Amino acid sequence: MTVLEPAPDLTIDRRQSVVRAQFNRPNQKNALNAAIIDGLFDLCASLREDRQARALVLRGAGGTFCAGGDVKDFGRQLMTPDPEPGAVDPLIAINRRFGDLLLELDALPQVVVSVVEGAAFAGGLGFVAVSDIAIAASDARFSISEATLGLVPAQIAPFLVRKIGLFNARRLALTGLRFDGAAARDFGLVSDCVAPGEVDEALAAVLGDVLRCEPEAVAATKAILRRAAPIDPAILDDAASAFARGLRKAGRVGAAAFASKAPPPWVEKPD
């Protein structure tokens, strides 16, 4: 067994041909920060050239998959001065980089397996959307929560549409609905929903199936399937601009409401 640690908050464990990447910020519900994102970019660069690796497992430490973006990082983005008229907003590139990471994971020749326990919110759902196989504990919690905060699920939205279809993506992204592992399976977001105590057994079964397949055939098949349902980078570019606009307007209001544990002003109760 070889253990690599390319980033402080991301642990890489390789056992034979299976690479396991664990988000390692359990006290922050494994919220994404620059260290995790940089570490995943480095891991993708390594795996692209590694034909001995046959599967990548994504999982979170402490019983939580990934609660989305780090609140402190969002706070720093909110404090970024507005760009001068005609200047490019620096928040666009920050958001767009996460889309590049999803494209990198999507293009890996290895089988990507996500194991979802606890929360999988916002950006965490992006990892599920680009996974070839996803296992969820029945008590896992999912949400595309951005719109409730005045934001848009910019970089993950195209991948979610490809994964679960436009109708389901609209239902989830336009309501911020919270749903469990069984509902995630019904929506087509995950392939397996099992009892919390059976997650490791389910993962072992999935890896057993994956390792029955010839690696080069798997890589070629993935490339064909990806070309059959491509993600247009131009959509991700436009989405990043929409995210930056939203963050500087309603997003600031939503963040303040979240911090004060009060509903934002756009919340209404239907008659």
Foldseek 3Di string as FASTA:
>chain_A
DDWDDQFPQWTWDDDFQEIEIEGRDVVQLSADDPRVLVVLVVVLVVQQPDLRHAEYEQAYPPFHRYAYHGLVVLVVLLPPDDDDVPDDRPQLVVQLSLLVSLVSLLLGLHQYEYEGGAEQEQSSLSSLLSGPAYEYEQAHKYAPQQVQLQFASQSSLLSVCVQQNDVLSCVGNVPRDMDGPVVCCVSRSHVYYHHPVCRVVVVVVVVVVSVVDDSVVSSVVSVVVCVVRDDDSVSSSVSSVRRSVRCNPSNVQSSVCVVVVHRGPVDDDDD
